[in-house]
Amino acid sequence: MSNKVEAFLTSEEEQDIVEAIRLAELNTSGEIRVHIENTSNGDAAHRALEVFHYLKMDNTKLQNGVLIYVAIDDKTFVIYGDEGINKVVPKNFWDSTKDVMQSHFKSGNFKQGIIEGIQKAGEQLESFFPWKHDDIDELSNEISKG
């Protein structure tokens, strides 16, 4: 793992992001994860899908995992939602989340961009996948790195 990935966020910023995921998941059964690496080595959407499977995010009961994938060198990010989400949400469902993140990323506010992306994703998921009393946190909230 390169120093760029380590230097991308401070450990305090990482903890803030993990906390944002925890809070977002209080209102939805959706599972949100963040993955950060240097480069996608090509097609970022394809790489996000690989990471999604590698992190076993496709194993959630309702197929409602969401991966926020960030490739630092490529200056790109992908929001990847599982089949359960894509089946029920409108086509441009993630556009507002992408826009919020992009505006922060452009000004170098990576932590804020990721946190607001998480909050927005959580809010959007809530209407389709509300939190239920017996909901369990199926996936780790920790940031994964490549």
C-alpha atoms as a PDB file:
ATOM      1  CA  MET A   1       0.000   0.000   0.000  1.00  0.00           C
ATOM      2  CA  SER A   2       1.492   3.303  -0.983  1.00  0.00           C
ATOM      3  CA  ASN A   3       2.045   6.301   1.224  1.00  0.00           C
ATOM      4  CA  LYS A   4      -0.361   8.281  -0.916  1.00  0.00           C
ATOM      5  CA  VAL A   5      -3.258   6.175   0.274  1.00  0.00           C
ATOM      6  CA  GLU A   6      -2.055   6.473   3.868  1.00  0.00           C
ATOM      7  CA  ALA A   7      -1.562  10.225   3.517  1.00  0.00           C
ATOM      8  CA  PHE A   8      -4.897  10.810   1.776  1.00  0.00           C
ATOM      9  CA  LEU A   9      -6.728  11.051   5.102  1.00  0.00           C
ATOM     10  CA  THR A  10      -5.425  11.470   8.636  1.00  0.00           C
ATOM     11  CA  SER A  11      -6.439   8.813  11.142  1.00  0.00           C
ATOM     12  CA  GLU A  12      -8.785  11.381  12.740  1.00  0.00           C
ATOM     13  CA  GLU A  13     -10.409  11.996   9.365  1.00  0.00           C
ATOM     14  CA  GLU A  14     -10.739   8.245   8.857  1.00  0.00           C
ATOM     15  CA  GLN A  15     -12.476   7.907  12.228  1.00  0.00           C
ATOM     16  CA  ASP A  16     -14.851  10.742  11.292  1.00  0.00           C
ATOM     17  CA  ILE A  17     -15.730   8.856   8.106  1.00  0.00           C
ATOM     18  CA  VAL A  18     -16.281   5.575   9.976  1.00  0.00           C
ATOM     19  CA  GLU A  19     -18.547   7.435  12.398  1.00  0.00           C
ATOM     20  CA  ALA A  20     -20.463   8.987   9.471  1.00  0.00           C
ATOM     21  CA  ILE A  21     -21.073   5.481   8.118  1.00  0.00           C
ATOM     22  CA  ARG A  22     -22.257   4.278  11.523  1.00  0.00           C
ATOM     23  CA  LEU A  23     -24.679   7.198  11.811  1.00  0.00           C
ATOM     24  CA  ALA A  24     -25.957   6.841   8.244  1.00  0.00           C
ATOM     25  CA  GLU A  25     -26.644   3.155   8.848  1.00  0.00           C
ATOM     26  CA  LEU A  26     -28.786   3.932  11.904  1.00  0.00           C
ATOM     27  CA  ASN A  27     -31.574   4.933   9.501  1.00  0.00           C
ATOM     28  CA  THR A  28     -31.216   2.370   6.749  1.00  0.00           C
ATOM     29  CA  SER A  29     -30.626  -1.347   6.377  1.00  0.00           C
ATOM     30  CA  GLY A  30     -28.310  -0.398   3.498  1.00  0.00           C
ATOM     31  CA  GLU A  31     -24.609  -1.067   4.023  1.00  0.00           C
ATOM     32  CA  ILE A  32     -22.107   1.639   3.069  1.00  0.00           C
ATOM     33  CA  ARG A  33     -18.371   1.137   2.640  1.00  0.00           C
ATOM     34  CA  VAL A  34     -15.507   3.340   1.487  1.00  0.00           C
ATOM     35  CA  HIS A  35     -12.489   2.016  -0.429  1.00  0.00           C
ATOM     36  CA  ILE A  36      -9.463   4.165  -1.264  1.00  0.00           C
ATOM     37  CA  GLU A  37      -6.559   3.287  -3.537  1.00  0.00           C
ATOM     38  CA  ASN A  38      -4.046   5.018  -5.829  1.00  0.00           C
ATOM     39  CA  THR A  39      -5.362   3.997  -9.200  1.00  0.00           C
ATOM     40  CA  SER A  40      -8.042   1.858 -10.745  1.00  0.00           C
ATOM     41  CA  ASN A  41      -5.575   0.839 -13.492  1.00  0.00           C
ATOM     42  CA  GLY A  42      -8.103   1.645 -16.164  1.00  0.00           C
ATOM     43  CA  ASP A  43     -11.853   1.573 -15.885  1.00  0.00           C
ATOM     44  CA  ALA A  44     -12.822   2.864 -12.436  1.00  0.00           C
ATOM     45  CA  ALA A  45     -16.353   1.455 -12.643  1.00  0.00           C
ATOM     46  CA  HIS A  46     -14.966  -1.994 -13.429  1.00  0.00           C
ATOM     47  CA  ARG A  47     -12.464  -1.750 -10.573  1.00  0.00           C
ATOM     48  CA  ALA A  48     -15.191  -0.598  -8.155  1.00  0.00           C
ATOM     49  CA  LEU A  49     -17.159  -3.726  -9.069  1.00  0.00           C
ATOM     50  CA  GLU A  50     -14.082  -5.914  -8.381  1.00  0.00           C
ATOM     51  CA  VAL A  51     -13.573  -4.275  -4.993  1.00  0.00           C
ATOM     52  CA  PHE A  52     -17.280  -4.633  -4.236  1.00  0.00           C
ATOM     53  CA  HIS A  53     -17.006  -8.407  -4.722  1.00  0.00           C
ATOM     54  CA  TYR A  54     -13.631  -8.631  -2.982  1.00  0.00           C
ATOM     55  CA  LEU A  55     -15.134  -6.983   0.113  1.00  0.00           C
ATOM     56  CA  LYS A  56     -18.037  -9.461  -0.108  1.00  0.00           C
ATOM     57  CA  MET A  57     -20.457  -6.552  -0.321  1.00  0.00           C
ATOM     58  CA  ASP A  58     -22.655  -8.648  -2.605  1.00  0.00           C
ATOM     59  CA  ASN A  59     -23.492 -10.934   0.331  1.00  0.00           C
ATOM     60  CA  THR A  60     -25.991  -8.667   2.073  1.00  0.00           C
ATOM     61  CA  LYS A  61     -29.458 -10.091   2.585  1.00  0.00           C
ATOM     62  CA  LEU A  62     -31.284  -7.358   0.662  1.00  0.00           C
ATOM     63  CA  GLN A  63     -28.471  -6.745  -1.853  1.00  0.00           C
ATOM     64  CA  ASN A  64     -28.334  -3.173  -0.645  1.00  0.00           C
ATOM     65  CA  GLY A  65     -24.632  -2.522  -0.225  1.00  0.00           C
ATOM     66  CA  VAL A  66     -23.120   0.721  -1.518  1.00  0.00           C
ATOM     67  CA  LEU A  67     -19.437   1.193  -2.199  1.00  0.00           C
ATOM     68  CA  ILE A  68     -17.883   4.633  -2.403  1.00  0.00           C
ATOM     69  CA  TYR A  69     -14.713   3.909  -4.368  1.00  0.00           C
ATOM     70  CA  VAL A  70     -11.965   6.556  -4.619  1.00  0.00           C
ATOM     71  CA  ALA A  71      -8.891   6.351  -6.903  1.00  0.00           C
ATOM     72  CA  ILE A  72      -6.541   9.129  -5.788  1.00  0.00           C
ATOM     73  CA  ASP A  73      -4.155   9.386  -8.759  1.00  0.00           C
ATOM     74  CA  ASP A  74      -6.960   9.083 -11.288  1.00  0.00           C
ATOM     75  CA  LYS A  75      -8.850  11.854  -9.486  1.00  0.00           C
ATOM     76  CA  THR A  76     -11.983   9.791  -9.848  1.00  0.00           C
ATOM     77  CA  PHE A  77     -14.564   8.093  -7.694  1.00  0.00           C
ATOM     78  CA  VAL A  78     -17.452   5.726  -8.240  1.00  0.00           C
ATOM     79  CA  ILE A  79     -20.589   5.098  -6.227  1.00  0.00           C
ATOM     80  CA  TYR A  80     -21.533   1.486  -6.788  1.00  0.00           C
ATOM     81  CA  GLY A  81     -24.855   0.150  -5.544  1.00  0.00           C
ATOM     82  CA  ASP A  82     -25.815  -3.525  -5.479  1.00  0.00           C
ATOM     83  CA  GLU A  83     -28.624  -5.098  -7.529  1.00  0.00           C
ATOM     84  CA  GLY A  84     -31.227  -4.785  -4.789  1.00  0.00           C
ATOM     85  CA  ILE A  85     -30.813  -1.008  -4.904  1.00  0.00           C
ATOM     86  CA  ASN A  86     -30.582  -0.672  -8.670  1.00  0.00           C
ATOM     87  CA  LYS A  87     -33.810  -2.633  -9.117  1.00  0.00           C
ATOM     88  CA  VAL A  88     -35.882  -0.150  -7.144  1.00  0.00           C
ATOM     89  CA  VAL A  89     -34.273   3.272  -7.524  1.00  0.00           C
ATOM     90  CA  PRO A  90     -34.616   5.747 -10.399  1.00  0.00           C
ATOM     91  CA  LYS A  91     -31.881   5.832 -13.040  1.00  0.00           C
ATOM     92  CA  ASN A  92     -30.126   8.980 -11.812  1.00  0.00           C
ATOM     93  CA  PHE A  93     -30.432   7.965  -8.147  1.00  0.00           C
ATOM     94  CA  TRP A  94     -26.766   8.618  -7.266  1.00  0.00           C
ATOM     95  CA  ASP A  95     -26.333  11.834  -9.247  1.00  0.00           C
ATOM     96  CA  SER A  96     -27.025  14.191  -6.346  1.00  0.00           C
ATOM     97  CA  THR A  97     -24.613  12.217  -4.144  1.00  0.00           C
ATOM     98  CA  LYS A  98     -21.937  12.386  -6.859  1.00  0.00           C
ATOM     99  CA  ASP A  99     -22.478  16.139  -7.274  1.00  0.00           C
ATOM    100  CA  VAL A 100     -22.060  16.811  -3.556  1.00  0.00           C
ATOM    101  CA  MET A 101     -18.860  14.756  -3.441  1.00  0.00           C
ATOM    102  CA  GLN A 102     -17.435  16.243  -6.622  1.00  0.00           C
ATOM    103  CA  SER A 103     -17.790  19.834  -5.463  1.00  0.00           C
ATOM    104  CA  HIS A 104     -15.840  19.064  -2.270  1.00  0.00           C
ATOM    105  CA  PHE A 105     -13.219  16.982  -4.082  1.00  0.00           C
ATOM    106  CA  LYS A 106     -12.575  19.798  -6.565  1.00  0.00           C
ATOM    107  CA  SER A 107     -11.597  22.080  -3.704  1.00  0.00           C
ATOM    108  CA  GLY A 108      -9.463  19.378  -2.076  1.00  0.00           C
ATOM    109  CA  ASN A 109     -11.907  18.675   0.765  1.00  0.00           C
ATOM    110  CA  PHE A 110     -11.746  14.899   0.527  1.00  0.00           C
ATOM    111  CA  LYS A 111     -12.923  14.052   4.025  1.00  0.00           C
ATOM    112  CA  GLN A 112     -15.893  16.405   3.762  1.00  0.00           C
ATOM    113  CA  GLY A 113     -16.760  15.094   0.310  1.00  0.00           C
ATOM    114  CA  ILE A 114     -16.739  11.497   1.487  1.00  0.00           C
ATOM    115  CA  ILE A 115     -18.707  12.272   4.655  1.00  0.00           C
ATOM    116  CA  GLU A 116     -21.385  14.212   2.800  1.00  0.00           C
ATOM    117  CA  GLY A 117     -21.507  11.461   0.191  1.00  0.00           C
ATOM    118  CA  ILE A 118     -22.110   8.934   2.967  1.00  0.00           C
ATOM    119  CA  GLN A 119     -24.803  11.112   4.569  1.00  0.00           C
ATOM    120  CA  LYS A 120     -26.556  11.661   1.249  1.00  0.00           C
ATOM    121  CA  ALA A 121     -26.338   7.970   0.335  1.00  0.00           C
ATOM    122  CA  GLY A 122     -27.779   7.062   3.740  1.00  0.00           C
ATOM    123  CA  GLU A 123     -30.653   9.517   3.355  1.00  0.00           C
ATOM    124  CA  GLN A 124     -31.443   8.264  -0.124  1.00  0.00           C
ATOM    125  CA  LEU A 125     -31.299   4.618   0.890  1.00  0.00           C
ATOM    126  CA  GLU A 126     -33.580   5.239   3.853  1.00  0.00           C
ATOM    127  CA  SER A 127     -36.694   5.688   1.713  1.00  0.00           C
ATOM    128  CA  PHE A 128     -36.130   2.382  -0.103  1.00  0.00           C
ATOM    129  CA  PHE A 129     -34.412   0.425   2.669  1.00  0.00           C
ATOM    130  CA  PRO A 130     -35.546   1.762   6.042  1.00  0.00           C
ATOM    131  CA  TRP A 131     -33.821   0.485   9.145  1.00  0.00           C
ATOM    132  CA  LYS A 132     -35.752  -2.369  10.742  1.00  0.00           C
ATOM    133  CA  HIS A 133     -35.756  -3.386  14.377  1.00  0.00           C
ATOM    134  CA  ASP A 134     -33.923  -6.650  13.692  1.00  0.00           C
ATOM    135  CA  ASP A 135     -31.392  -5.089  11.315  1.00  0.00           C
ATOM    136  CA  ILE A 136     -27.807  -6.166  11.851  1.00  0.00           C
ATOM    137  CA  ASP A 137     -24.708  -4.402  10.590  1.00  0.00           C
ATOM    138  CA  GLU A 138     -23.637  -6.964   8.005  1.00  0.00           C
ATOM    139  CA  LEU A 139     -20.441  -5.291   6.816  1.00  0.00           C
ATOM    140  CA  SER A 140     -17.550  -3.552   8.514  1.00  0.00           C
ATOM    141  CA  ASN A 141     -17.641   0.254   8.602  1.00  0.00           C
ATOM    142  CA  GLU A 142     -13.846   0.488   8.430  1.00  0.00           C
ATOM    143  CA  ILE A 143     -12.278   2.096   5.366  1.00  0.00           C
ATOM    144  CA  SER A 144     -10.581  -0.464   3.133  1.00  0.00           C
ATOM    145  CA  LYS A 145      -7.503   0.405   1.113  1.00  0.00           C
ATOM    146  CA  GLY A 146      -5.872  -1.005  -1.974  1.00  0.00           C
END
